[in-house]
Amino acid sequence: MDIKKHQSAFGQKLKNIRASLNLTQEEFCDKLNIEVSNLSKWENGRGYPSMPTFLKISEILKIEPTKLLDVKYYDKTSIKSLLINEIERLSDKEQLFALKVLRLMNEELKNS
């Protein structure tokens, strides 16, 4: 599956979960402190949020971050590519934070 299909699947899932919680785009964006245009872009399959925003989205929606990704559509190559692209966009401080989050997620998966 190519990146456009991944983005589309993510966007649809995000939109469905947000709507199921009766949150308008404006209400959700206020909680995230982002512009509606950013959310609209993601929900329409034209990109992904940054890692810190992605984690905040999962917190607001009260779901595990992995629930926003339909991992059955990802193969190892596309996951690695997505991770590398995202990591390259982060500052050094954000990269360290992302590493900590990944390690915590890995430990939680081992323990479940």
PDB file of N, CA and C in Angstrom:
ATOM      1  N   MET A   1       0.852  -1.173   0.000  1.00  0.00           N
ATOM      2  CA  MET A   1       0.000   0.000   0.000  1.00  0.00           C
ATOM      3  C   MET A   1       0.896   1.233   0.000  1.00  0.00           C
ATOM      4  N   ASP A   2       0.550   2.221  -0.795  1.00  0.00           N
ATOM      5  CA  ASP A   2       1.382   3.411  -0.876  1.00  0.00           C
ATOM      6  C   ASP A   2       1.016   4.425   0.197  1.00  0.00           C
ATOM      7  N   ILE A   3       1.825   5.466   0.302  1.00  0.00           N
ATOM      8  CA  ILE A   3       1.676   6.470   1.355  1.00  0.00           C
ATOM      9  C   ILE A   3       0.325   7.173   1.303  1.00  0.00           C
ATOM     10  N   LYS A   4      -0.198   7.418   0.116  1.00  0.00           N
ATOM     11  CA  LYS A   4      -1.496   8.087  -0.017  1.00  0.00           C
ATOM     12  C   LYS A   4      -2.606   7.253   0.610  1.00  0.00           C
ATOM     13  N   LYS A   5      -2.543   5.948   0.413  1.00  0.00           N
ATOM     14  CA  LYS A   5      -3.560   5.066   1.001  1.00  0.00           C
ATOM     15  C   LYS A   5      -3.419   5.028   2.518  1.00  0.00           C
ATOM     16  N   HIS A   6      -2.184   5.058   3.025  1.00  0.00           N
ATOM     17  CA  HIS A   6      -1.957   5.103   4.467  1.00  0.00           C
ATOM     18  C   HIS A   6      -2.544   6.385   5.048  1.00  0.00           C
ATOM     19  N   GLN A   7      -2.252   7.500   4.383  1.00  0.00           N
ATOM     20  CA  GLN A   7      -2.759   8.788   4.856  1.00  0.00           C
ATOM     21  C   GLN A   7      -4.279   8.817   4.836  1.00  0.00           C
ATOM     22  N   SER A   8      -4.859   8.265   3.796  1.00  0.00           N
ATOM     23  CA  SER A   8      -6.311   8.232   3.680  1.00  0.00           C
ATOM     24  C   SER A   8      -6.933   7.379   4.786  1.00  0.00           C
ATOM     25  N   ALA A   9      -6.342   6.214   5.043  1.00  0.00           N
ATOM     26  CA  ALA A   9      -6.849   5.328   6.099  1.00  0.00           C
ATOM     27  C   ALA A   9      -6.734   5.999   7.462  1.00  0.00           C
ATOM     28  N   PHE A  10      -5.593   6.643   7.718  1.00  0.00           N
ATOM     29  CA  PHE A  10      -5.399   7.362   8.976  1.00  0.00           C
ATOM     30  C   PHE A  10      -6.432   8.478   9.110  1.00  0.00           C
ATOM     31  N   GLY A  11      -6.599   9.265   8.063  1.00  0.00           N
ATOM     32  CA  GLY A  11      -7.526  10.392   8.095  1.00  0.00           C
ATOM     33  C   GLY A  11      -8.950   9.970   8.349  1.00  0.00           C
ATOM     34  N   GLN A  12      -9.369   8.900   7.709  1.00  0.00           N
ATOM     35  CA  GLN A  12     -10.744   8.414   7.898  1.00  0.00           C
ATOM     36  C   GLN A  12     -10.942   7.916   9.324  1.00  0.00           C
ATOM     37  N   LYS A  13      -9.947   7.205   9.841  1.00  0.00           N
ATOM     38  CA  LYS A  13     -10.045   6.701  11.209  1.00  0.00           C
ATOM     39  C   LYS A  13     -10.090   7.860  12.200  1.00  0.00           C
ATOM     40  N   LEU A  14      -9.235   8.858  12.016  1.00  0.00           N
ATOM     41  CA  LEU A  14      -9.220  10.035  12.877  1.00  0.00           C
ATOM     42  C   LEU A  14     -10.580  10.733  12.857  1.00  0.00           C
ATOM     43  N   LYS A  15     -11.104  10.946  11.669  1.00  0.00           N
ATOM     44  CA  LYS A  15     -12.395  11.621  11.518  1.00  0.00           C
ATOM     45  C   LYS A  15     -13.513  10.823  12.193  1.00  0.00           C
ATOM     46  N   ASN A  16     -13.529   9.518  11.989  1.00  0.00           N
ATOM     47  CA  ASN A  16     -14.576   8.684  12.579  1.00  0.00           C
ATOM     48  C   ASN A  16     -14.530   8.685  14.101  1.00  0.00           C
ATOM     49  N   ILE A  17     -13.337   8.575  14.658  1.00  0.00           N
ATOM     50  CA  ILE A  17     -13.208   8.560  16.120  1.00  0.00           C
ATOM     51  C   ILE A  17     -13.588   9.916  16.697  1.00  0.00           C
ATOM     52  N   ARG A  18     -13.110  10.990  16.073  1.00  0.00           N
ATOM     53  CA  ARG A  18     -13.457  12.342  16.543  1.00  0.00           C
ATOM     54  C   ARG A  18     -14.965  12.540  16.513  1.00  0.00           C
ATOM     55  N   ALA A  19     -15.589  12.158  15.404  1.00  0.00           N
ATOM     56  CA  ALA A  19     -17.031  12.327  15.250  1.00  0.00           C
ATOM     57  C   ALA A  19     -17.803  11.467  16.252  1.00  0.00           C
ATOM     58  N   SER A  20     -17.294  10.265  16.530  1.00  0.00           N
ATOM     59  CA  SER A  20     -17.973   9.380  17.482  1.00  0.00           C
ATOM     60  C   SER A  20     -17.991   9.971  18.890  1.00  0.00           C
ATOM     61  N   LEU A  21     -17.056  10.868  19.154  1.00  0.00           N
ATOM     62  CA  LEU A  21     -17.003  11.557  20.450  1.00  0.00           C
ATOM     63  C   LEU A  21     -17.760  12.885  20.423  1.00  0.00           C
ATOM     64  N   ASN A  22     -18.475  13.108  19.323  1.00  0.00           N
ATOM     65  CA  ASN A  22     -19.255  14.337  19.131  1.00  0.00           C
ATOM     66  C   ASN A  22     -18.410  15.597  19.258  1.00  0.00           C
ATOM     67  N   LEU A  23     -17.183  15.522  18.756  1.00  0.00           N
ATOM     68  CA  LEU A  23     -16.299  16.690  18.732  1.00  0.00           C
ATOM     69  C   LEU A  23     -16.311  17.279  17.325  1.00  0.00           C
ATOM     70  N   THR A  24     -16.605  18.561  17.227  1.00  0.00           N
ATOM     71  CA  THR A  24     -16.498  19.223  15.934  1.00  0.00           C
ATOM     72  C   THR A  24     -15.025  19.418  15.620  1.00  0.00           C
ATOM     73  N   GLN A  25     -14.727  19.729  14.373  1.00  0.00           N
ATOM     74  CA  GLN A  25     -13.339  20.023  14.023  1.00  0.00           C
ATOM     75  C   GLN A  25     -12.824  21.190  14.857  1.00  0.00           C
ATOM     76  N   GLU A  26     -13.641  22.205  15.034  1.00  0.00           N
ATOM     77  CA  GLU A  26     -13.216  23.384  15.787  1.00  0.00           C
ATOM     78  C   GLU A  26     -12.911  23.042  17.239  1.00  0.00           C
ATOM     79  N   GLU A  27     -13.789  22.246  17.878  1.00  0.00           N
ATOM     80  CA  GLU A  27     -13.572  21.855  19.274  1.00  0.00           C
ATOM     81  C   GLU A  27     -12.291  21.027  19.410  1.00  0.00           C
ATOM     82  N   PHE A  28     -12.119  20.110  18.488  1.00  0.00           N
ATOM     83  CA  PHE A  28     -10.933  19.249  18.520  1.00  0.00           C
ATOM     84  C   PHE A  28      -9.665  20.075  18.324  1.00  0.00           C
ATOM     85  N   CYS A  29      -9.715  21.001  17.377  1.00  0.00           N
ATOM     86  CA  CYS A  29      -8.554  21.845  17.100  1.00  0.00           C
ATOM     87  C   CYS A  29      -8.220  22.747  18.284  1.00  0.00           C
ATOM     88  N   ASP A  30      -9.246  23.225  18.990  1.00  0.00           N
ATOM     89  CA  ASP A  30      -8.998  24.028  20.192  1.00  0.00           C
ATOM     90  C   ASP A  30      -8.242  23.214  21.232  1.00  0.00           C
ATOM     91  N   LYS A  31      -8.618  21.960  21.395  1.00  0.00           N
ATOM     92  CA  LYS A  31      -7.939  21.093  22.363  1.00  0.00           C
ATOM     93  C   LYS A  31      -6.488  20.808  21.944  1.00  0.00           C
ATOM     94  N   LEU A  32      -6.272  20.732  20.628  1.00  0.00           N
ATOM     95  CA  LEU A  32      -4.933  20.454  20.104  1.00  0.00           C
ATOM     96  C   LEU A  32      -4.090  21.704  19.916  1.00  0.00           C
ATOM     97  N   ASN A  33      -4.762  22.863  19.931  1.00  0.00           N
ATOM     98  CA  ASN A  33      -4.098  24.139  19.679  1.00  0.00           C
ATOM     99  C   ASN A  33      -3.496  24.169  18.266  1.00  0.00           C
ATOM    100  N   ILE A  34      -4.341  23.777  17.294  1.00  0.00           N
ATOM    101  CA  ILE A  34      -3.938  23.800  15.888  1.00  0.00           C
ATOM    102  C   ILE A  34      -5.023  24.472  15.063  1.00  0.00           C
ATOM    103  N   GLU A  35      -4.699  24.758  13.822  1.00  0.00           N
ATOM    104  CA  GLU A  35      -5.655  25.339  12.895  1.00  0.00           C
ATOM    105  C   GLU A  35      -6.548  24.232  12.311  1.00  0.00           C
ATOM    106  N   VAL A  36      -7.796  24.580  12.026  1.00  0.00           N
ATOM    107  CA  VAL A  36      -8.735  23.632  11.423  1.00  0.00           C
ATOM    108  C   VAL A  36      -8.190  23.122  10.087  1.00  0.00           C
ATOM    109  N   SER A  37      -7.472  23.977   9.379  1.00  0.00           N
ATOM    110  CA  SER A  37      -6.925  23.563   8.076  1.00  0.00           C
ATOM    111  C   SER A  37      -5.975  22.372   8.223  1.00  0.00           C
ATOM    112  N   ASN A  38      -5.236  22.301   9.329  1.00  0.00           N
ATOM    113  CA  ASN A  38      -4.342  21.157   9.553  1.00  0.00           C
ATOM    114  C   ASN A  38      -5.144  19.878   9.754  1.00  0.00           C
ATOM    115  N   LEU A  39      -6.158  19.946  10.604  1.00  0.00           N
ATOM    116  CA  LEU A  39      -6.988  18.775  10.847  1.00  0.00           C
ATOM    117  C   LEU A  39      -7.694  18.343   9.568  1.00  0.00           C
ATOM    118  N   SER A  40      -8.202  19.283   8.845  1.00  0.00           N
ATOM    119  CA  SER A  40      -8.885  18.981   7.588  1.00  0.00           C
ATOM    120  C   SER A  40      -7.944  18.265   6.622  1.00  0.00           C
ATOM    121  N   LYS A  41      -6.702  18.733   6.560  1.00  0.00           N
ATOM    122  CA  LYS A  41      -5.702  18.104   5.688  1.00  0.00           C
ATOM    123  C   LYS A  41      -5.498  16.645   6.090  1.00  0.00           C
ATOM    124  N   TRP A  42      -5.352  16.383   7.380  1.00  0.00           N
ATOM    125  CA  TRP A  42      -5.128  15.015   7.844  1.00  0.00           C
ATOM    126  C   TRP A  42      -6.351  14.146   7.587  1.00  0.00           C
ATOM    127  N   GLU A  43      -7.538  14.679   7.916  1.00  0.00           N
ATOM    128  CA  GLU A  43      -8.762  13.892   7.765  1.00  0.00           C
ATOM    129  C   GLU A  43      -9.068  13.600   6.297  1.00  0.00           C
ATOM    130  N   ASN A  44      -8.554  14.413   5.410  1.00  0.00           N
ATOM    131  CA  ASN A  44      -8.754  14.197   3.979  1.00  0.00           C
ATOM    132  C   ASN A  44      -7.595  13.436   3.333  1.00  0.00           C
ATOM    133  N   GLY A  45      -6.729  12.855   4.165  1.00  0.00           N
ATOM    134  CA  GLY A  45      -5.665  11.989   3.657  1.00  0.00           C
ATOM    135  C   GLY A  45      -4.535  12.696   2.951  1.00  0.00           C
ATOM    136  N   ARG A  46      -4.261  13.939   3.366  1.00  0.00           N
ATOM    137  CA  ARG A  46      -3.194  14.705   2.706  1.00  0.00           C
ATOM    138  C   ARG A  46      -2.020  14.981   3.646  1.00  0.00           C
ATOM    139  N   GLY A  47      -1.770  14.084   4.573  1.00  0.00           N
ATOM    140  CA  GLY A  47      -0.629  14.251   5.454  1.00  0.00           C
ATOM    141  C   GLY A  47      -0.878  13.656   6.827  1.00  0.00           C
ATOM    142  N   TYR A  48       0.149  13.774   7.661  1.00  0.00           N
ATOM    143  CA  TYR A  48       0.107  13.282   9.033  1.00  0.00           C
ATOM    144  C   TYR A  48       0.501  14.413   9.980  1.00  0.00           C
ATOM    145  N   PRO A  49       0.044  14.336  11.217  1.00  0.00           N
ATOM    146  CA  PRO A  49       0.528  15.293  12.220  1.00  0.00           C
ATOM    147  C   PRO A  49       1.950  14.939  12.646  1.00  0.00           C
ATOM    148  N   SER A  50       2.609  15.873  13.298  1.00  0.00           N
ATOM    149  CA  SER A  50       3.928  15.583  13.863  1.00  0.00           C
ATOM    150  C   SER A  50       3.767  14.548  14.969  1.00  0.00           C
ATOM    151  N   MET A  51       4.853  13.937  15.377  1.00  0.00           N
ATOM    152  CA  MET A  51       4.799  12.922  16.428  1.00  0.00           C
ATOM    153  C   MET A  51       4.211  13.474  17.735  1.00  0.00           C
ATOM    154  N   PRO A  52       4.669  14.635  18.238  1.00  0.00           N
ATOM    155  CA  PRO A  52       4.060  15.154  19.470  1.00  0.00           C
ATOM    156  C   PRO A  52       2.559  15.411  19.320  1.00  0.00           C
ATOM    157  N   THR A  53       2.132  15.919  18.159  1.00  0.00           N
ATOM    158  CA  THR A  53       0.711  16.170  17.931  1.00  0.00           C
ATOM    159  C   THR A  53      -0.039  14.851  17.821  1.00  0.00           C
ATOM    160  N   PHE A  54       0.549  13.878  17.154  1.00  0.00           N
ATOM    161  CA  PHE A  54      -0.051  12.552  17.038  1.00  0.00           C
ATOM    162  C   PHE A  54      -0.317  11.967  18.423  1.00  0.00           C
ATOM    163  N   LEU A  55       0.655  12.094  19.314  1.00  0.00           N
ATOM    164  CA  LEU A  55       0.497  11.565  20.669  1.00  0.00           C
ATOM    165  C   LEU A  55      -0.574  12.334  21.439  1.00  0.00           C
ATOM    166  N   LYS A  56      -0.635  13.646  21.228  1.00  0.00           N
ATOM    167  CA  LYS A  56      -1.662  14.446  21.891  1.00  0.00           C
ATOM    168  C   LYS A  56      -3.051  14.082  21.364  1.00  0.00           C
ATOM    169  N   ILE A  57      -3.153  13.797  20.072  1.00  0.00           N
ATOM    170  CA  ILE A  57      -4.426  13.366  19.482  1.00  0.00           C
ATOM    171  C   ILE A  57      -4.906  12.099  20.175  1.00  0.00           C
ATOM    172  N   SER A  58      -4.018  11.130  20.324  1.00  0.00           N
ATOM    173  CA  SER A  58      -4.427   9.869  20.961  1.00  0.00           C
ATOM    174  C   SER A  58      -4.834  10.101  22.413  1.00  0.00           C
ATOM    175  N   GLU A  59      -4.180  11.045  23.070  1.00  0.00           N
ATOM    176  CA  GLU A  59      -4.528  11.384  24.450  1.00  0.00           C
ATOM    177  C   GLU A  59      -5.926  12.009  24.518  1.00  0.00           C
ATOM    178  N   ILE A  60      -6.205  12.958  23.642  1.00  0.00           N
ATOM    179  CA  ILE A  60      -7.506  13.622  23.617  1.00  0.00           C
ATOM    180  C   ILE A  60      -8.619  12.632  23.280  1.00  0.00           C
ATOM    181  N   LEU A  61      -8.341  11.736  22.340  1.00  0.00           N
ATOM    182  CA  LEU A  61      -9.339  10.752  21.921  1.00  0.00           C
ATOM    183  C   LEU A  61      -9.432   9.575  22.893  1.00  0.00           C
ATOM    184  N   LYS A  62      -8.501   9.547  23.860  1.00  0.00           N
ATOM    185  CA  LYS A  62      -8.459   8.486  24.872  1.00  0.00           C
ATOM    186  C   LYS A  62      -8.332   7.092  24.246  1.00  0.00           C
ATOM    187  N   ILE A  63      -7.391   6.994  23.309  1.00  0.00           N
ATOM    188  CA  ILE A  63      -7.116   5.719  22.663  1.00  0.00           C
ATOM    189  C   ILE A  63      -5.610   5.512  22.593  1.00  0.00           C
ATOM    190  N   GLU A  64      -5.223   4.269  22.414  1.00  0.00           N
ATOM    191  CA  GLU A  64      -3.811   3.964  22.206  1.00  0.00           C
ATOM    192  C   GLU A  64      -3.377   4.547  20.862  1.00  0.00           C
ATOM    193  N   PRO A  65      -2.175   5.111  20.772  1.00  0.00           N
ATOM    194  CA  PRO A  65      -1.716   5.686  19.500  1.00  0.00           C
ATOM    195  C   PRO A  65      -1.811   4.706  18.332  1.00  0.00           C
ATOM    196  N   THR A  66      -1.544   3.442  18.589  1.00  0.00           N
ATOM    197  CA  THR A  66      -1.574   2.458  17.505  1.00  0.00           C
ATOM    198  C   THR A  66      -2.976   2.259  16.929  1.00  0.00           C
ATOM    199  N   LYS A  67      -4.012   2.623  17.687  1.00  0.00           N
ATOM    200  CA  LYS A  67      -5.389   2.477  17.195  1.00  0.00           C
ATOM    201  C   LYS A  67      -5.681   3.446  16.051  1.00  0.00           C
ATOM    202  N   LEU A  68      -4.892   4.507  15.956  1.00  0.00           N
ATOM    203  CA  LEU A  68      -5.074   5.467  14.863  1.00  0.00           C
ATOM    204  C   LEU A  68      -4.452   4.974  13.563  1.00  0.00           C
ATOM    205  N   LEU A  69      -3.599   3.987  13.672  1.00  0.00           N
ATOM    206  CA  LEU A  69      -2.942   3.445  12.483  1.00  0.00           C
ATOM    207  C   LEU A  69      -3.498   2.070  12.207  1.00  0.00           C
ATOM    208  N   ASP A  70      -3.879   1.846  11.003  1.00  0.00           N
ATOM    209  CA  ASP A  70      -4.392   0.541  10.615  1.00  0.00           C
ATOM    210  C   ASP A  70      -3.197  -0.303  10.201  1.00  0.00           C
ATOM    211  N   VAL A  71      -2.512  -0.840  11.201  1.00  0.00           N
ATOM    212  CA  VAL A  71      -1.229  -1.483  10.968  1.00  0.00           C
ATOM    213  C   VAL A  71      -1.298  -2.693  10.051  1.00  0.00           C
ATOM    214  N   LYS A  72      -2.461  -3.251   9.837  1.00  0.00           N
ATOM    215  CA  LYS A  72      -2.529  -4.405   8.927  1.00  0.00           C
ATOM    216  C   LYS A  72      -2.164  -4.017   7.501  1.00  0.00           C
ATOM    217  N   TYR A  73      -2.216  -2.718   7.179  1.00  0.00           N
ATOM    218  CA  TYR A  73      -1.890  -2.259   5.841  1.00  0.00           C
ATOM    219  C   TYR A  73      -0.421  -1.887   5.677  1.00  0.00           C
ATOM    220  N   TYR A  74       0.335  -1.948   6.742  1.00  0.00           N
ATOM    221  CA  TYR A  74       1.718  -1.517   6.691  1.00  0.00           C
ATOM    222  C   TYR A  74       2.648  -2.717   6.573  1.00  0.00           C
ATOM    223  N   ASP A  75       3.632  -2.587   5.713  1.00  0.00           N
ATOM    224  CA  ASP A  75       4.670  -3.596   5.672  1.00  0.00           C
ATOM    225  C   ASP A  75       5.923  -2.974   6.294  1.00  0.00           C
ATOM    226  N   LYS A  76       6.930  -3.779   6.540  1.00  0.00           N
ATOM    227  CA  LYS A  76       8.128  -3.284   7.218  1.00  0.00           C
ATOM    228  C   LYS A  76       8.789  -2.130   6.475  1.00  0.00           C
ATOM    229  N   THR A  77       8.817  -2.204   5.169  1.00  0.00           N
ATOM    230  CA  THR A  77       9.461  -1.150   4.381  1.00  0.00           C
ATOM    231  C   THR A  77       8.724   0.169   4.510  1.00  0.00           C
ATOM    232  N   SER A  78       7.396   0.137   4.418  1.00  0.00           N
ATOM    233  CA  SER A  78       6.650   1.388   4.497  1.00  0.00           C
ATOM    234  C   SER A  78       6.681   1.961   5.906  1.00  0.00           C
ATOM    235  N   ILE A  79       6.653   1.098   6.921  1.00  0.00           N
ATOM    236  CA  ILE A  79       6.737   1.590   8.299  1.00  0.00           C
ATOM    237  C   ILE A  79       8.082   2.270   8.522  1.00  0.00           C
ATOM    238  N   LYS A  80       9.146   1.628   8.089  1.00  0.00           N
ATOM    239  CA  LYS A  80      10.481   2.201   8.268  1.00  0.00           C
ATOM    240  C   LYS A  80      10.583   3.541   7.541  1.00  0.00           C
ATOM    241  N   SER A  81      10.060   3.611   6.341  1.00  0.00           N
ATOM    242  CA  SER A  81      10.092   4.843   5.562  1.00  0.00           C
ATOM    243  C   SER A  81       9.306   5.954   6.254  1.00  0.00           C
ATOM    244  N   LEU A  82       8.115   5.623   6.750  1.00  0.00           N
ATOM    245  CA  LEU A  82       7.299   6.617   7.464  1.00  0.00           C
ATOM    246  C   LEU A  82       8.010   7.117   8.717  1.00  0.00           C
ATOM    247  N   LEU A  83       8.616   6.195   9.466  1.00  0.00           N
ATOM    248  CA  LEU A  83       9.335   6.588  10.674  1.00  0.00           C
ATOM    249  C   LEU A  83      10.530   7.485  10.359  1.00  0.00           C
ATOM    250  N   ILE A  84      11.293   7.119   9.366  1.00  0.00           N
ATOM    251  CA  ILE A  84      12.466   7.915   8.996  1.00  0.00           C
ATOM    252  C   ILE A  84      12.040   9.310   8.559  1.00  0.00           C
ATOM    253  N   ASN A  85      11.013   9.388   7.724  1.00  0.00           N
ATOM    254  CA  ASN A  85      10.535  10.698   7.274  1.00  0.00           C
ATOM    255  C   ASN A  85      10.070  11.555   8.436  1.00  0.00           C
ATOM    256  N   GLU A  86       9.366  10.941   9.357  1.00  0.00           N
ATOM    257  CA  GLU A  86       8.861  11.696  10.511  1.00  0.00           C
ATOM    258  C   GLU A  86      10.007  12.131  11.414  1.00  0.00           C
ATOM    259  N   ILE A  87      10.937  11.247  11.675  1.00  0.00           N
ATOM    260  CA  ILE A  87      12.064  11.562  12.554  1.00  0.00           C
ATOM    261  C   ILE A  87      12.919  12.688  11.982  1.00  0.00           C
ATOM    262  N   GLU A  88      13.093  12.685  10.673  1.00  0.00           N
ATOM    263  CA  GLU A  88      13.898  13.732  10.046  1.00  0.00           C
ATOM    264  C   GLU A  88      13.281  15.119  10.205  1.00  0.00           C
ATOM    265  N   ARG A  89      11.985  15.181  10.414  1.00  0.00           N
ATOM    266  CA  ARG A  89      11.303  16.473  10.589  1.00  0.00           C
ATOM    267  C   ARG A  89      11.435  17.016  12.008  1.00  0.00           C
ATOM    268  N   LEU A  90      11.864  16.168  12.940  1.00  0.00           N
ATOM    269  CA  LEU A  90      11.909  16.551  14.348  1.00  0.00           C
ATOM    270  C   LEU A  90      13.217  17.253  14.715  1.00  0.00           C
ATOM    271  N   SER A  91      13.121  18.103  15.719  1.00  0.00           N
ATOM    272  CA  SER A  91      14.329  18.699  16.281  1.00  0.00           C
ATOM    273  C   SER A  91      15.055  17.628  17.099  1.00  0.00           C
ATOM    274  N   ASP A  92      16.282  17.919  17.515  1.00  0.00           N
ATOM    275  CA  ASP A  92      17.033  16.959  18.324  1.00  0.00           C
ATOM    276  C   ASP A  92      16.274  16.606  19.601  1.00  0.00           C
ATOM    277  N   LYS A  93      15.705  17.604  20.245  1.00  0.00           N
ATOM    278  CA  LYS A  93      14.958  17.390  21.483  1.00  0.00           C
ATOM    279  C   LYS A  93      13.732  16.521  21.226  1.00  0.00           C
ATOM    280  N   GLU A  94      13.029  16.776  20.141  1.00  0.00           N
ATOM    281  CA  GLU A  94      11.849  15.988  19.795  1.00  0.00           C
ATOM    282  C   GLU A  94      12.229  14.558  19.434  1.00  0.00           C
ATOM    283  N   GLN A  95      13.393  14.374  18.809  1.00  0.00           N
ATOM    284  CA  GLN A  95      13.850  13.024  18.468  1.00  0.00           C
ATOM    285  C   GLN A  95      14.110  12.218  19.740  1.00  0.00           C
ATOM    286  N   LEU A  96      14.710  12.849  20.740  1.00  0.00           N
ATOM    287  CA  LEU A  96      14.951  12.154  22.010  1.00  0.00           C
ATOM    288  C   LEU A  96      13.636  11.771  22.675  1.00  0.00           C
ATOM    289  N   PHE A  97      12.656  12.672  22.625  1.00  0.00           N
ATOM    290  CA  PHE A  97      11.343  12.395  23.186  1.00  0.00           C
ATOM    291  C   PHE A  97      10.683  11.227  22.443  1.00  0.00           C
ATOM    292  N   ALA A  98      10.758  11.241  21.116  1.00  0.00           N
ATOM    293  CA  ALA A  98      10.174  10.177  20.307  1.00  0.00           C
ATOM    294  C   ALA A  98      10.829   8.831  20.637  1.00  0.00           C
ATOM    295  N   LEU A  99      12.125   8.839  20.829  1.00  0.00           N
ATOM    296  CA  LEU A  99      12.838   7.614  21.189  1.00  0.00           C
ATOM    297  C   LEU A  99      12.330   7.070  22.523  1.00  0.00           C
ATOM    298  N   LYS A 100      12.131   7.956  23.487  1.00  0.00           N
ATOM    299  CA  LYS A 100      11.607   7.536  24.793  1.00  0.00           C
ATOM    300  C   LYS A 100      10.219   6.941  24.644  1.00  0.00           C
ATOM    301  N   VAL A 101       9.390   7.580  23.843  1.00  0.00           N
ATOM    302  CA  VAL A 101       8.030   7.081  23.628  1.00  0.00           C
ATOM    303  C   VAL A 101       8.061   5.705  22.973  1.00  0.00           C
ATOM    304  N   LEU A 102       8.896   5.547  21.955  1.00  0.00           N
ATOM    305  CA  LEU A 102       8.997   4.251  21.279  1.00  0.00           C
ATOM    306  C   LEU A 102       9.470   3.156  22.230  1.00  0.00           C
ATOM    307  N   ARG A 103      10.416   3.488  23.078  1.00  0.00           N
ATOM    308  CA  ARG A 103      10.903   2.506  24.041  1.00  0.00           C
ATOM    309  C   ARG A 103       9.808   2.126  25.027  1.00  0.00           C
ATOM    310  N   LEU A 104       9.047   3.117  25.493  1.00  0.00           N
ATOM    311  CA  LEU A 104       7.934   2.839  26.409  1.00  0.00           C
ATOM    312  C   LEU A 104       6.870   1.977  25.739  1.00  0.00           C
ATOM    313  N   MET A 105       6.548   2.296  24.501  1.00  0.00           N
ATOM    314  CA  MET A 105       5.562   1.510  23.770  1.00  0.00           C
ATOM    315  C   MET A 105       6.047   0.073  23.593  1.00  0.00           C
ATOM    316  N   ASN A 106       7.321  -0.097  23.293  1.00  0.00           N
ATOM    317  CA  ASN A 106       7.893  -1.425  23.116  1.00  0.00           C
ATOM    318  C   ASN A 106       7.805  -2.230  24.412  1.00  0.00           C
ATOM    319  N   GLU A 107       8.117  -1.596  25.518  1.00  0.00           N
ATOM    320  CA  GLU A 107       8.032  -2.282  26.816  1.00  0.00           C
ATOM    321  C   GLU A 107       6.597  -2.671  27.118  1.00  0.00           C
ATOM    322  N   GLU A 108       5.652  -1.767  26.832  1.00  0.00           N
ATOM    323  CA  GLU A 108       4.248  -2.065  27.097  1.00  0.00           C
ATOM    324  C   GLU A 108       3.770  -3.224  26.229  1.00  0.00           C
ATOM    325  N   LEU A 109       4.204  -3.258  24.986  1.00  0.00           N
ATOM    326  CA  LEU A 109       3.810  -4.358  24.107  1.00  0.00           C
ATOM    327  C   LEU A 109       4.383  -5.685  24.576  1.00  0.00           C
ATOM    328  N   LYS A 110       5.610  -5.654  25.095  1.00  0.00           N
ATOM    329  CA  LYS A 110       6.222  -6.879  25.623  1.00  0.00           C
ATOM    330  C   LYS A 110       5.447  -7.396  26.830  1.00  0.00           C
ATOM    331  N   ASN A 111       4.920  -6.461  27.633  1.00  0.00           N
ATOM    332  CA  ASN A 111       4.245  -6.839  28.879  1.00  0.00           C
ATOM    333  C   ASN A 111       2.766  -7.156  28.684  1.00  0.00           C
ATOM    334  N   SER A 112       2.250  -6.970  27.488  1.00  0.00           N
ATOM    335  CA  SER A 112       0.810  -7.234  27.301  1.00  0.00           C
ATOM    336  C   SER A 112       0.548  -8.602  26.722  1.00  0.00           C
TER     337      SER A 112
END
